[in-house]
Amino acid sequence: MNPARYDAWYDTRKGAWILRRETGLLLDLLRPSPGMSLLDVGSGTGRFTREFADFGLRVAGLEPDPDMLRFARSKHPDIPFLRGVALTLPFREQSFDFVAAVTSLCFVSDPVAALGEMWRVARIGVVAGLLNRNSLLYRRKAGRGGYAGARWDTPEEAREWGARLDPPASAVRWGTTVLLPGGSVLARLLDPLPPRRNPWGSFLAVCWLKNPDLCPPDSSEMKNRNPPHDITR
Protein backbone atom coordinates (compact mmCIF):
# COMPACT_ATOMS: atom_id res chain seq x y z
CA MET A 1 0.00 0.00 0.00
CA ASN A 2 1.33 3.41 -0.97
CA PRO A 3 1.44 5.51 2.24
CA ALA A 4 1.07 8.87 0.47
CA ARG A 5 -1.94 7.72 -1.57
CA TYR A 6 -3.55 6.15 1.48
CA ASP A 7 -3.02 9.26 3.59
CA ALA A 8 -4.26 11.61 0.86
CA TRP A 9 -7.69 9.95 0.96
CA TYR A 10 -8.29 11.62 4.33
CA ASP A 11 -7.93 14.99 2.60
CA THR A 12 -10.92 14.28 0.36
CA ARG A 13 -14.36 15.47 1.41
CA LYS A 14 -15.53 11.94 2.20
CA GLY A 15 -12.29 10.98 3.94
CA ALA A 16 -12.23 14.10 6.11
CA TRP A 17 -15.85 13.54 7.17
CA ILE A 18 -15.20 9.90 8.09
CA LEU A 19 -12.03 10.89 9.98
CA ARG A 20 -14.02 13.40 12.06
CA ARG A 21 -16.79 10.89 12.80
CA GLU A 22 -14.45 8.09 13.80
CA THR A 23 -12.11 10.26 15.87
CA GLY A 24 -15.06 11.87 17.61
CA LEU A 25 -16.47 8.50 18.60
CA LEU A 26 -13.13 7.21 19.89
CA LEU A 27 -12.62 10.30 22.04
CA ASP A 28 -16.22 10.19 23.24
CA LEU A 29 -15.66 6.66 24.54
CA LEU A 30 -12.26 7.40 26.10
CA ARG A 31 -13.15 10.84 27.52
CA PRO A 32 -9.50 11.67 28.21
CA SER A 33 -8.28 14.93 29.66
CA PRO A 34 -5.69 16.99 27.77
CA GLY A 35 -2.21 16.08 28.94
CA MET A 36 -2.96 12.38 29.36
CA SER A 37 -0.79 9.92 27.43
CA LEU A 38 -1.84 7.56 24.63
CA LEU A 39 -0.09 4.93 22.55
CA ASP A 40 -1.47 4.41 19.04
CA VAL A 41 -0.80 0.79 18.02
CA GLY A 42 -0.69 0.20 14.28
CA SER A 43 -0.49 3.93 13.69
CA GLY A 44 0.00 3.70 9.92
CA THR A 45 0.59 7.12 8.38
CA GLY A 46 -0.12 8.79 11.73
CA ARG A 47 -3.48 10.37 10.81
CA PHE A 48 -5.30 9.26 13.95
CA THR A 49 -2.19 9.76 16.06
CA ARG A 50 -2.23 13.39 14.92
CA GLU A 51 -5.93 13.70 15.79
CA PHE A 52 -5.23 12.45 19.31
CA ALA A 53 -2.30 14.88 19.61
CA ASP A 54 -4.41 17.80 18.39
CA PHE A 55 -6.91 16.99 21.12
CA GLY A 56 -4.13 17.65 23.61
CA LEU A 57 -2.90 14.16 24.42
CA ARG A 58 0.75 13.20 24.73
CA VAL A 59 1.00 10.54 22.05
CA ALA A 60 3.34 7.99 20.52
CA GLY A 61 2.80 5.72 17.54
CA LEU A 62 3.82 2.13 16.95
CA GLU A 63 3.87 0.71 13.42
CA PRO A 64 5.39 -2.48 11.91
CA ASP A 65 5.50 -1.37 8.26
CA PRO A 66 8.74 0.54 7.47
CA ASP A 67 7.20 2.55 4.61
CA MET A 68 4.28 3.69 6.74
CA LEU A 69 6.66 4.46 9.58
CA ARG A 70 8.92 6.53 7.34
CA PHE A 71 5.96 8.51 6.01
CA ALA A 72 4.53 9.15 9.50
CA ARG A 73 7.87 10.39 10.82
CA SER A 74 8.31 12.76 7.88
CA LYS A 75 4.79 14.17 8.08
CA HIS A 76 4.58 14.44 11.88
CA PRO A 77 8.13 15.08 13.09
CA ASP A 78 6.89 16.26 16.49
CA ILE A 79 5.38 12.84 17.31
CA PRO A 80 7.57 9.85 18.25
CA PHE A 81 6.89 6.85 16.02
CA LEU A 82 8.51 3.51 16.82
CA ARG A 83 8.68 0.27 14.89
CA GLY A 84 6.98 -2.66 16.59
CA VAL A 85 4.09 -5.13 16.54
CA ALA A 86 0.94 -5.35 18.63
CA LEU A 87 1.69 -8.81 20.02
CA THR A 88 4.93 -7.72 21.76
CA LEU A 89 4.73 -4.08 22.79
CA PRO A 90 8.15 -2.70 23.81
CA PHE A 91 6.86 -0.90 26.91
CA ARG A 92 6.57 -1.54 30.63
CA GLU A 93 3.25 -2.14 32.37
CA GLN A 94 0.99 0.93 32.57
CA SER A 95 3.38 3.06 30.53
CA PHE A 96 0.45 5.03 29.04
CA ASP A 97 -2.88 6.20 30.36
CA PHE A 98 -4.60 4.83 27.24
CA VAL A 99 -3.76 2.58 24.32
CA ALA A 100 -5.61 2.83 20.98
CA ALA A 101 -5.72 0.64 17.89
CA VAL A 102 -7.70 2.10 14.98
CA THR A 103 -8.62 -0.80 12.64
CA SER A 104 -5.17 -2.34 13.14
CA LEU A 105 -6.62 -5.21 15.22
CA CYS A 106 -8.69 -6.16 12.17
CA PHE A 107 -5.50 -7.50 10.59
CA VAL A 108 -4.09 -9.28 13.66
CA SER A 109 -4.57 -13.05 13.69
CA ASP A 110 -4.97 -13.21 17.48
CA PRO A 111 -6.83 -10.04 18.58
CA VAL A 112 -7.23 -11.26 22.16
CA ALA A 113 -3.47 -11.67 22.58
CA ALA A 114 -2.85 -8.24 21.05
CA LEU A 115 -5.52 -6.71 23.27
CA GLY A 116 -3.86 -8.36 26.27
CA GLU A 117 -0.58 -6.63 25.42
CA MET A 118 -2.35 -3.28 25.03
CA TRP A 119 -4.12 -3.92 28.33
CA ARG A 120 -0.80 -4.55 30.05
CA VAL A 121 0.62 -1.25 28.82
CA ALA A 122 -2.49 0.83 29.64
CA ARG A 123 -3.15 2.40 33.03
CA ILE A 124 -6.82 3.32 32.50
CA GLY A 125 -8.09 1.59 29.40
CA VAL A 126 -7.89 0.56 25.77
CA VAL A 127 -9.96 1.70 22.79
CA ALA A 128 -10.15 -0.04 19.42
CA GLY A 129 -11.72 0.87 16.13
CA LEU A 130 -13.07 -2.26 14.45
CA LEU A 131 -14.94 -3.20 11.28
CA ASN A 132 -18.56 -3.94 12.18
CA ARG A 133 -19.91 -7.24 10.87
CA ASN A 134 -23.46 -5.98 11.45
CA SER A 135 -23.00 -3.12 9.00
CA LEU A 136 -24.02 -2.38 5.44
CA LEU A 137 -20.34 -1.93 4.61
CA TYR A 138 -19.72 -5.57 5.51
CA ARG A 139 -22.32 -6.70 2.99
CA ARG A 140 -20.79 -4.49 0.30
CA LYS A 141 -17.05 -4.75 0.88
CA ALA A 142 -16.10 -7.79 2.96
CA GLY A 143 -13.22 -9.66 1.34
CA ARG A 144 -12.75 -7.15 -1.48
CA GLY A 145 -10.27 -4.39 -2.27
CA GLY A 146 -8.61 -2.85 0.75
CA TYR A 147 -10.76 -5.03 3.01
CA ALA A 148 -9.28 -8.29 1.71
CA GLY A 149 -7.95 -10.28 4.66
CA ALA A 150 -9.61 -8.05 7.25
CA ARG A 151 -11.62 -9.50 10.13
CA TRP A 152 -15.09 -8.11 10.88
CA ASP A 153 -16.23 -8.14 14.51
CA THR A 154 -19.38 -7.59 16.57
CA PRO A 155 -20.00 -5.86 19.92
CA GLU A 156 -20.77 -9.23 21.50
CA GLU A 157 -17.39 -10.62 20.50
CA ALA A 158 -15.62 -7.51 21.77
CA ARG A 159 -17.34 -7.90 25.13
CA GLU A 160 -16.07 -11.47 25.35
CA TRP A 161 -12.53 -10.24 24.67
CA GLY A 162 -12.83 -7.91 27.66
CA ALA A 163 -13.91 -10.76 29.92
CA ARG A 164 -10.75 -12.69 28.98
CA LEU A 165 -8.36 -9.89 29.95
CA ASP A 166 -6.26 -10.11 33.11
CA PRO A 167 -7.74 -8.56 35.12
CA PRO A 168 -11.09 -8.60 33.27
CA ALA A 169 -12.36 -5.24 32.05
CA SER A 170 -14.51 -3.67 34.74
CA ALA A 171 -16.60 -1.77 32.18
CA VAL A 172 -16.99 -1.66 28.41
CA ARG A 173 -18.23 1.25 26.32
CA TRP A 174 -19.07 0.95 22.66
CA GLY A 175 -20.66 2.76 19.76
CA THR A 176 -20.74 2.85 15.96
CA THR A 177 -20.66 5.55 13.33
CA VAL A 178 -20.76 5.94 9.53
CA LEU A 179 -24.08 4.18 9.05
CA LEU A 180 -24.05 4.75 5.27
CA PRO A 181 -20.46 4.40 4.04
CA GLY A 182 -20.85 6.44 0.86
CA GLY A 183 -20.56 9.83 2.58
CA SER A 184 -23.66 11.20 0.83
CA VAL A 185 -25.86 14.01 2.13
CA LEU A 186 -28.23 11.35 3.51
CA ALA A 187 -25.33 9.64 5.28
CA ARG A 188 -24.35 12.90 6.95
CA LEU A 189 -27.93 13.57 8.04
CA LEU A 190 -28.35 10.13 9.59
CA ASP A 191 -25.03 9.91 11.40
CA PRO A 192 -25.72 12.42 14.20
CA LEU A 193 -28.09 9.82 15.69
CA PRO A 194 -26.84 8.72 19.15
CA PRO A 195 -24.10 6.17 18.36
CA ARG A 196 -25.12 3.68 21.05
CA ARG A 197 -28.63 3.47 19.60
CA ASN A 198 -27.25 2.58 16.19
CA PRO A 199 -25.57 -0.83 16.17
CA TRP A 200 -25.20 -0.90 12.37
CA GLY A 201 -22.51 1.71 11.68
CA SER A 202 -19.51 0.65 9.61
CA PHE A 203 -17.01 1.72 12.28
CA LEU A 204 -17.36 -0.10 15.61
CA ALA A 205 -15.45 1.49 18.49
CA VAL A 206 -15.03 -0.37 21.77
CA CYS A 207 -13.42 0.91 24.97
CA TRP A 208 -12.37 -1.51 27.71
CA LEU A 209 -11.72 0.15 31.09
CA LYS A 210 -9.59 -0.98 34.00
CA ASN A 211 -10.74 1.75 36.35
CA PRO A 212 -13.87 3.68 35.28
CA ASP A 213 -13.49 5.94 38.34
CA LEU A 214 -10.62 7.67 36.53
CA CYS A 215 -13.01 8.66 33.69
CA PRO A 216 -16.36 10.49 33.72
CA PRO A 217 -19.30 8.12 34.30
CA ASP A 218 -21.27 6.82 31.35
CA SER A 219 -24.86 5.64 31.70
CA SER A 220 -24.38 3.28 28.74
CA GLU A 221 -21.41 1.40 30.21
CA MET A 222 -21.78 -2.36 30.11
CA LYS A 223 -20.65 -4.13 33.27
CA ASN A 224 -19.21 -7.62 32.89
CA ARG A 225 -21.85 -8.98 35.24
CA ASN A 226 -24.61 -8.05 32.77
CA PRO A 227 -25.98 -10.73 30.41
CA PRO A 228 -24.53 -10.68 26.88
CA HIS A 229 -27.67 -9.33 25.21
CA ASP A 230 -27.29 -6.07 27.15
CA ILE A 231 -24.45 -5.09 24.84
CA THR A 232 -26.83 -4.10 22.04
CA ARG A 233 -29.15 -1.88 24.09
C-alpha atoms as a PDB file:
ATOM      1  CA  MET A   1       0.000   0.000   0.000  1.00  0.00           C
ATOM      2  CA  ASN A   2       1.327   3.411  -0.971  1.00  0.00           C
ATOM      3  CA  PRO A   3       1.437   5.506   2.238  1.00  0.00           C
ATOM      4  CA  ALA A   4       1.074   8.875   0.469  1.00  0.00           C
ATOM      5  CA  ARG A   5      -1.937   7.717  -1.568  1.00  0.00           C
ATOM      6  CA  TYR A   6      -3.548   6.151   1.483  1.00  0.00           C
ATOM      7  CA  ASP A   7      -3.016   9.256   3.590  1.00  0.00           C
ATOM      8  CA  ALA A   8      -4.261  11.614   0.858  1.00  0.00           C
ATOM      9  CA  TRP A   9      -7.695   9.950   0.959  1.00  0.00           C
ATOM     10  CA  TYR A  10      -8.289  11.625   4.332  1.00  0.00           C
ATOM     11  CA  ASP A  11      -7.934  14.991   2.599  1.00  0.00           C
ATOM     12  CA  THR A  12     -10.923  14.277   0.355  1.00  0.00           C
ATOM     13  CA  ARG A  13     -14.357  15.465   1.410  1.00  0.00           C
ATOM     14  CA  LYS A  14     -15.526  11.939   2.203  1.00  0.00           C
ATOM     15  CA  GLY A  15     -12.287  10.979   3.942  1.00  0.00           C
ATOM     16  CA  ALA A  16     -12.228  14.105   6.108  1.00  0.00           C
ATOM     17  CA  TRP A  17     -15.848  13.540   7.172  1.00  0.00           C
ATOM     18  CA  ILE A  18     -15.202   9.904   8.091  1.00  0.00           C
ATOM     19  CA  LEU A  19     -12.034  10.887   9.978  1.00  0.00           C
ATOM     20  CA  ARG A  20     -14.022  13.401  12.057  1.00  0.00           C
ATOM     21  CA  ARG A  21     -16.793  10.893  12.801  1.00  0.00           C
ATOM     22  CA  GLU A  22     -14.446   8.093  13.799  1.00  0.00           C
ATOM     23  CA  THR A  23     -12.108  10.263  15.865  1.00  0.00           C
ATOM     24  CA  GLY A  24     -15.060  11.866  17.605  1.00  0.00           C
ATOM     25  CA  LEU A  25     -16.473   8.496  18.604  1.00  0.00           C
ATOM     26  CA  LEU A  26     -13.127   7.206  19.887  1.00  0.00           C
ATOM     27  CA  LEU A  27     -12.616  10.300  22.043  1.00  0.00           C
ATOM     28  CA  ASP A  28     -16.221  10.190  23.238  1.00  0.00           C
ATOM     29  CA  LEU A  29     -15.661   6.660  24.537  1.00  0.00           C
ATOM     30  CA  LEU A  30     -12.264   7.402  26.095  1.00  0.00           C
ATOM     31  CA  ARG A  31     -13.145  10.839  27.518  1.00  0.00           C
ATOM     32  CA  PRO A  32      -9.497  11.675  28.210  1.00  0.00           C
ATOM     33  CA  SER A  33      -8.281  14.935  29.656  1.00  0.00           C
ATOM     34  CA  PRO A  34      -5.689  16.995  27.768  1.00  0.00           C
ATOM     35  CA  GLY A  35      -2.213  16.080  28.936  1.00  0.00           C
ATOM     36  CA  MET A  36      -2.956  12.377  29.363  1.00  0.00           C
ATOM     37  CA  SER A  37      -0.794   9.924  27.429  1.00  0.00           C
ATOM     38  CA  LEU A  38      -1.842   7.563  24.634  1.00  0.00           C
ATOM     39  CA  LEU A  39      -0.087   4.930  22.546  1.00  0.00           C
ATOM     40  CA  ASP A  40      -1.473   4.406  19.037  1.00  0.00           C
ATOM     41  CA  VAL A  41      -0.804   0.786  18.024  1.00  0.00           C
ATOM     42  CA  GLY A  42      -0.693   0.200  14.275  1.00  0.00           C
ATOM     43  CA  SER A  43      -0.490   3.934  13.690  1.00  0.00           C
ATOM     44  CA  GLY A  44       0.000   3.696   9.916  1.00  0.00           C
ATOM     45  CA  THR A  45       0.594   7.118   8.384  1.00  0.00           C
ATOM     46  CA  GLY A  46      -0.123   8.794  11.726  1.00  0.00           C
ATOM     47  CA  ARG A  47      -3.475  10.368  10.809  1.00  0.00           C
ATOM     48  CA  PHE A  48      -5.303   9.260  13.949  1.00  0.00           C
ATOM     49  CA  THR A  49      -2.185   9.760  16.058  1.00  0.00           C
ATOM     50  CA  ARG A  50      -2.232  13.391  14.918  1.00  0.00           C
ATOM     51  CA  GLU A  51      -5.928  13.699  15.789  1.00  0.00           C
ATOM     52  CA  PHE A  52      -5.234  12.453  19.311  1.00  0.00           C
ATOM     53  CA  ALA A  53      -2.305  14.875  19.609  1.00  0.00           C
ATOM     54  CA  ASP A  54      -4.405  17.799  18.390  1.00  0.00           C
ATOM     55  CA  PHE A  55      -6.913  16.989  21.123  1.00  0.00           C
ATOM     56  CA  GLY A  56      -4.129  17.650  23.612  1.00  0.00           C
ATOM     57  CA  LEU A  57      -2.904  14.162  24.418  1.00  0.00           C
ATOM     58  CA  ARG A  58       0.752  13.199  24.732  1.00  0.00           C
ATOM     59  CA  VAL A  59       1.003  10.543  22.048  1.00  0.00           C
ATOM     60  CA  ALA A  60       3.341   7.995  20.519  1.00  0.00           C
ATOM     61  CA  GLY A  61       2.797   5.720  17.545  1.00  0.00           C
ATOM     62  CA  LEU A  62       3.825   2.132  16.950  1.00  0.00           C
ATOM     63  CA  GLU A  63       3.868   0.711  13.415  1.00  0.00           C
ATOM     64  CA  PRO A  64       5.391  -2.479  11.907  1.00  0.00           C
ATOM     65  CA  ASP A  65       5.498  -1.366   8.256  1.00  0.00           C
ATOM     66  CA  PRO A  66       8.739   0.537   7.472  1.00  0.00           C
ATOM     67  CA  ASP A  67       7.199   2.549   4.613  1.00  0.00           C
ATOM     68  CA  MET A  68       4.281   3.689   6.742  1.00  0.00           C
ATOM     69  CA  LEU A  69       6.659   4.461   9.583  1.00  0.00           C
ATOM     70  CA  ARG A  70       8.920   6.530   7.338  1.00  0.00           C
ATOM     71  CA  PHE A  71       5.957   8.509   6.014  1.00  0.00           C
ATOM     72  CA  ALA A  72       4.527   9.154   9.501  1.00  0.00           C
ATOM     73  CA  ARG A  73       7.875  10.387  10.816  1.00  0.00           C
ATOM     74  CA  SER A  74       8.312  12.762   7.884  1.00  0.00           C
ATOM     75  CA  LYS A  75       4.792  14.169   8.077  1.00  0.00           C
ATOM     76  CA  HIS A  76       4.581  14.439  11.885  1.00  0.00           C
ATOM     77  CA  PRO A  77       8.133  15.080  13.093  1.00  0.00           C
ATOM     78  CA  ASP A  78       6.889  16.260  16.487  1.00  0.00           C
ATOM     79  CA  ILE A  79       5.379  12.842  17.305  1.00  0.00           C
ATOM     80  CA  PRO A  80       7.574   9.849  18.254  1.00  0.00           C
ATOM     81  CA  PHE A  81       6.893   6.848  16.018  1.00  0.00           C
ATOM     82  CA  LEU A  82       8.515   3.506  16.820  1.00  0.00           C
ATOM     83  CA  ARG A  83       8.677   0.274  14.891  1.00  0.00           C
ATOM     84  CA  GLY A  84       6.978  -2.665  16.591  1.00  0.00           C
ATOM     85  CA  VAL A  85       4.092  -5.129  16.542  1.00  0.00           C
ATOM     86  CA  ALA A  86       0.939  -5.350  18.628  1.00  0.00           C
ATOM     87  CA  LEU A  87       1.690  -8.811  20.020  1.00  0.00           C
ATOM     88  CA  THR A  88       4.927  -7.722  21.762  1.00  0.00           C
ATOM     89  CA  LEU A  89       4.735  -4.077  22.786  1.00  0.00           C
ATOM     90  CA  PRO A  90       8.155  -2.705  23.815  1.00  0.00           C
ATOM     91  CA  PHE A  91       6.861  -0.899  26.908  1.00  0.00           C
ATOM     92  CA  ARG A  92       6.569  -1.543  30.627  1.00  0.00           C
ATOM     93  CA  GLU A  93       3.247  -2.140  32.370  1.00  0.00           C
ATOM     94  CA  GLN A  94       0.990   0.928  32.573  1.00  0.00           C
ATOM     95  CA  SER A  95       3.378   3.061  30.528  1.00  0.00           C
ATOM     96  CA  PHE A  96       0.454   5.030  29.036  1.00  0.00           C
ATOM     97  CA  ASP A  97      -2.883   6.201  30.357  1.00  0.00           C
ATOM     98  CA  PHE A  98      -4.599   4.831  27.237  1.00  0.00           C
ATOM     99  CA  VAL A  99      -3.757   2.582  24.318  1.00  0.00           C
ATOM    100  CA  ALA A 100      -5.607   2.831  20.984  1.00  0.00           C
ATOM    101  CA  ALA A 101      -5.722   0.636  17.889  1.00  0.00           C
ATOM    102  CA  VAL A 102      -7.698   2.098  14.980  1.00  0.00           C
ATOM    103  CA  THR A 103      -8.616  -0.805  12.642  1.00  0.00           C
ATOM    104  CA  SER A 104      -5.166  -2.343  13.143  1.00  0.00           C
ATOM    105  CA  LEU A 105      -6.616  -5.212  15.222  1.00  0.00           C
ATOM    106  CA  CYS A 106      -8.691  -6.160  12.165  1.00  0.00           C
ATOM    107  CA  PHE A 107      -5.505  -7.502  10.594  1.00  0.00           C
ATOM    108  CA  VAL A 108      -4.086  -9.278  13.661  1.00  0.00           C
ATOM    109  CA  SER A 109      -4.574 -13.047  13.690  1.00  0.00           C
ATOM    110  CA  ASP A 110      -4.972 -13.205  17.479  1.00  0.00           C
ATOM    111  CA  PRO A 111      -6.832 -10.043  18.575  1.00  0.00           C
ATOM    112  CA  VAL A 112      -7.231 -11.262  22.160  1.00  0.00           C
ATOM    113  CA  ALA A 113      -3.471 -11.675  22.580  1.00  0.00           C
ATOM    114  CA  ALA A 114      -2.848  -8.238  21.051  1.00  0.00           C
ATOM    115  CA  LEU A 115      -5.517  -6.711  23.268  1.00  0.00           C
ATOM    116  CA  GLY A 116      -3.864  -8.358  26.271  1.00  0.00           C
ATOM    117  CA  GLU A 117      -0.583  -6.632  25.423  1.00  0.00           C
ATOM    118  CA  MET A 118      -2.353  -3.283  25.033  1.00  0.00           C
ATOM    119  CA  TRP A 119      -4.121  -3.915  28.335  1.00  0.00           C
ATOM    120  CA  ARG A 120      -0.804  -4.546  30.048  1.00  0.00           C
ATOM    121  CA  VAL A 121       0.625  -1.246  28.820  1.00  0.00           C
ATOM    122  CA  ALA A 122      -2.493   0.833  29.635  1.00  0.00           C
ATOM    123  CA  ARG A 123      -3.148   2.403  33.029  1.00  0.00           C
ATOM    124  CA  ILE A 124      -6.821   3.324  32.504  1.00  0.00           C
ATOM    125  CA  GLY A 125      -8.092   1.590  29.399  1.00  0.00           C
ATOM    126  CA  VAL A 126      -7.893   0.558  25.766  1.00  0.00           C
ATOM    127  CA  VAL A 127      -9.960   1.695  22.787  1.00  0.00           C
ATOM    128  CA  ALA A 128     -10.147  -0.036  19.416  1.00  0.00           C
ATOM    129  CA  GLY A 129     -11.719   0.869  16.126  1.00  0.00           C
ATOM    130  CA  LEU A 130     -13.068  -2.261  14.447  1.00  0.00           C
ATOM    131  CA  LEU A 131     -14.941  -3.196  11.279  1.00  0.00           C
ATOM    132  CA  ASN A 132     -18.559  -3.938  12.181  1.00  0.00           C
ATOM    133  CA  ARG A 133     -19.910  -7.236  10.873  1.00  0.00           C
ATOM    134  CA  ASN A 134     -23.460  -5.981  11.452  1.00  0.00           C
ATOM    135  CA  SER A 135     -22.997  -3.117   8.999  1.00  0.00           C
ATOM    136  CA  LEU A 136     -24.023  -2.382   5.441  1.00  0.00           C
ATOM    137  CA  LEU A 137     -20.339  -1.930   4.612  1.00  0.00           C
ATOM    138  CA  TYR A 138     -19.717  -5.574   5.508  1.00  0.00           C
ATOM    139  CA  ARG A 139     -22.325  -6.699   2.988  1.00  0.00           C
ATOM    140  CA  ARG A 140     -20.795  -4.494   0.303  1.00  0.00           C
ATOM    141  CA  LYS A 141     -17.051  -4.749   0.881  1.00  0.00           C
ATOM    142  CA  ALA A 142     -16.095  -7.793   2.956  1.00  0.00           C
ATOM    143  CA  GLY A 143     -13.216  -9.656   1.342  1.00  0.00           C
ATOM    144  CA  ARG A 144     -12.755  -7.150  -1.475  1.00  0.00           C
ATOM    145  CA  GLY A 145     -10.267  -4.387  -2.268  1.00  0.00           C
ATOM    146  CA  GLY A 146      -8.610  -2.846   0.750  1.00  0.00           C
ATOM    147  CA  TYR A 147     -10.761  -5.034   3.011  1.00  0.00           C
ATOM    148  CA  ALA A 148      -9.279  -8.294   1.711  1.00  0.00           C
ATOM    149  CA  GLY A 149      -7.949 -10.278   4.662  1.00  0.00           C
ATOM    150  CA  ALA A 150      -9.611  -8.046   7.254  1.00  0.00           C
ATOM    151  CA  ARG A 151     -11.619  -9.497  10.132  1.00  0.00           C
ATOM    152  CA  TRP A 152     -15.094  -8.108  10.876  1.00  0.00           C
ATOM    153  CA  ASP A 153     -16.233  -8.145  14.505  1.00  0.00           C
ATOM    154  CA  THR A 154     -19.385  -7.592  16.571  1.00  0.00           C
ATOM    155  CA  PRO A 155     -20.002  -5.862  19.916  1.00  0.00           C
ATOM    156  CA  GLU A 156     -20.775  -9.229  21.498  1.00  0.00           C
ATOM    157  CA  GLU A 157     -17.391 -10.616  20.496  1.00  0.00           C
ATOM    158  CA  ALA A 158     -15.621  -7.507  21.765  1.00  0.00           C
ATOM    159  CA  ARG A 159     -17.337  -7.898  25.130  1.00  0.00           C
ATOM    160  CA  GLU A 160     -16.069 -11.475  25.353  1.00  0.00           C
ATOM    161  CA  TRP A 161     -12.530 -10.239  24.667  1.00  0.00           C
ATOM    162  CA  GLY A 162     -12.826  -7.911  27.660  1.00  0.00           C
ATOM    163  CA  ALA A 163     -13.908 -10.756  29.921  1.00  0.00           C
ATOM    164  CA  ARG A 164     -10.746 -12.693  28.984  1.00  0.00           C
ATOM    165  CA  LEU A 165      -8.361  -9.890  29.947  1.00  0.00           C
ATOM    166  CA  ASP A 166      -6.264 -10.106  33.109  1.00  0.00           C
ATOM    167  CA  PRO A 167      -7.742  -8.555  35.121  1.00  0.00           C
ATOM    168  CA  PRO A 168     -11.087  -8.596  33.270  1.00  0.00           C
ATOM    169  CA  ALA A 169     -12.364  -5.242  32.051  1.00  0.00           C
ATOM    170  CA  SER A 170     -14.510  -3.672  34.743  1.00  0.00           C
ATOM    171  CA  ALA A 171     -16.603  -1.771  32.185  1.00  0.00           C
ATOM    172  CA  VAL A 172     -16.990  -1.665  28.410  1.00  0.00           C
ATOM    173  CA  ARG A 173     -18.227   1.250  26.319  1.00  0.00           C
ATOM    174  CA  TRP A 174     -19.065   0.954  22.658  1.00  0.00           C
ATOM    175  CA  GLY A 175     -20.656   2.756  19.759  1.00  0.00           C
ATOM    176  CA  THR A 176     -20.739   2.848  15.965  1.00  0.00           C
ATOM    177  CA  THR A 177     -20.662   5.549  13.328  1.00  0.00           C
ATOM    178  CA  VAL A 178     -20.765   5.944   9.528  1.00  0.00           C
ATOM    179  CA  LEU A 179     -24.080   4.177   9.047  1.00  0.00           C
ATOM    180  CA  LEU A 180     -24.046   4.746   5.274  1.00  0.00           C
ATOM    181  CA  PRO A 181     -20.456   4.399   4.039  1.00  0.00           C
ATOM    182  CA  GLY A 182     -20.845   6.442   0.860  1.00  0.00           C
ATOM    183  CA  GLY A 183     -20.561   9.825   2.585  1.00  0.00           C
ATOM    184  CA  SER A 184     -23.655  11.203   0.828  1.00  0.00           C
ATOM    185  CA  VAL A 185     -25.860  14.007   2.127  1.00  0.00           C
ATOM    186  CA  LEU A 186     -28.230  11.354   3.508  1.00  0.00           C
ATOM    187  CA  ALA A 187     -25.326   9.637   5.284  1.00  0.00           C
ATOM    188  CA  ARG A 188     -24.355  12.899   6.953  1.00  0.00           C
ATOM    189  CA  LEU A 189     -27.932  13.570   8.037  1.00  0.00           C
ATOM    190  CA  LEU A 190     -28.354  10.129   9.590  1.00  0.00           C
ATOM    191  CA  ASP A 191     -25.032   9.908  11.397  1.00  0.00           C
ATOM    192  CA  PRO A 192     -25.724  12.422  14.197  1.00  0.00           C
ATOM    193  CA  LEU A 193     -28.094   9.819  15.687  1.00  0.00           C
ATOM    194  CA  PRO A 194     -26.839   8.717  19.148  1.00  0.00           C
ATOM    195  CA  PRO A 195     -24.098   6.172  18.362  1.00  0.00           C
ATOM    196  CA  ARG A 196     -25.123   3.676  21.053  1.00  0.00           C
ATOM    197  CA  ARG A 197     -28.632   3.470  19.604  1.00  0.00           C
ATOM    198  CA  ASN A 198     -27.255   2.585  16.194  1.00  0.00           C
ATOM    199  CA  PRO A 199     -25.565  -0.831  16.172  1.00  0.00           C
ATOM    200  CA  TRP A 200     -25.197  -0.904  12.374  1.00  0.00           C
ATOM    201  CA  GLY A 201     -22.508   1.712  11.678  1.00  0.00           C
ATOM    202  CA  SER A 202     -19.509   0.653   9.609  1.00  0.00           C
ATOM    203  CA  PHE A 203     -17.007   1.716  12.281  1.00  0.00           C
ATOM    204  CA  LEU A 204     -17.365  -0.100  15.607  1.00  0.00           C
ATOM    205  CA  ALA A 205     -15.455   1.494  18.486  1.00  0.00           C
ATOM    206  CA  VAL A 206     -15.033  -0.371  21.775  1.00  0.00           C
ATOM    207  CA  CYS A 207     -13.418   0.911  24.967  1.00  0.00           C
ATOM    208  CA  TRP A 208     -12.365  -1.505  27.715  1.00  0.00           C
ATOM    209  CA  LEU A 209     -11.718   0.147  31.087  1.00  0.00           C
ATOM    210  CA  LYS A 210      -9.593  -0.978  33.999  1.00  0.00           C
ATOM    211  CA  ASN A 211     -10.740   1.754  36.353  1.00  0.00           C
ATOM    212  CA  PRO A 212     -13.868   3.684  35.276  1.00  0.00           C
ATOM    213  CA  ASP A 213     -13.494   5.939  38.343  1.00  0.00           C
ATOM    214  CA  LEU A 214     -10.625   7.670  36.526  1.00  0.00           C
ATOM    215  CA  CYS A 215     -13.007   8.659  33.687  1.00  0.00           C
ATOM    216  CA  PRO A 216     -16.361  10.494  33.719  1.00  0.00           C
ATOM    217  CA  PRO A 217     -19.303   8.118  34.302  1.00  0.00           C
ATOM    218  CA  ASP A 218     -21.270   6.822  31.346  1.00  0.00           C
ATOM    219  CA  SER A 219     -24.859   5.636  31.697  1.00  0.00           C
ATOM    220  CA  SER A 220     -24.380   3.279  28.741  1.00  0.00           C
ATOM    221  CA  GLU A 221     -21.408   1.395  30.207  1.00  0.00           C
ATOM    222  CA  MET A 222     -21.777  -2.364  30.107  1.00  0.00           C
ATOM    223  CA  LYS A 223     -20.648  -4.135  33.274  1.00  0.00           C
ATOM    224  CA  ASN A 224     -19.214  -7.617  32.891  1.00  0.00           C
ATOM    225  CA  ARG A 225     -21.849  -8.980  35.240  1.00  0.00           C
ATOM    226  CA  ASN A 226     -24.607  -8.050  32.773  1.00  0.00           C
ATOM    227  CA  PRO A 227     -25.983 -10.729  30.411  1.00  0.00           C
ATOM    228  CA  PRO A 228     -24.530 -10.683  26.881  1.00  0.00           C
ATOM    229  CA  HIS A 229     -27.665  -9.327  25.213  1.00  0.00           C
ATOM    230  CA  ASP A 230     -27.291  -6.074  27.152  1.00  0.00           C
ATOM    231  CA  ILE A 231     -24.454  -5.087  24.844  1.00  0.00           C
ATOM    232  CA  THR A 232     -26.825  -4.097  22.044  1.00  0.00           C
ATOM    233  CA  ARG A 233     -29.152  -1.876  24.091  1.00  0.00           C
END
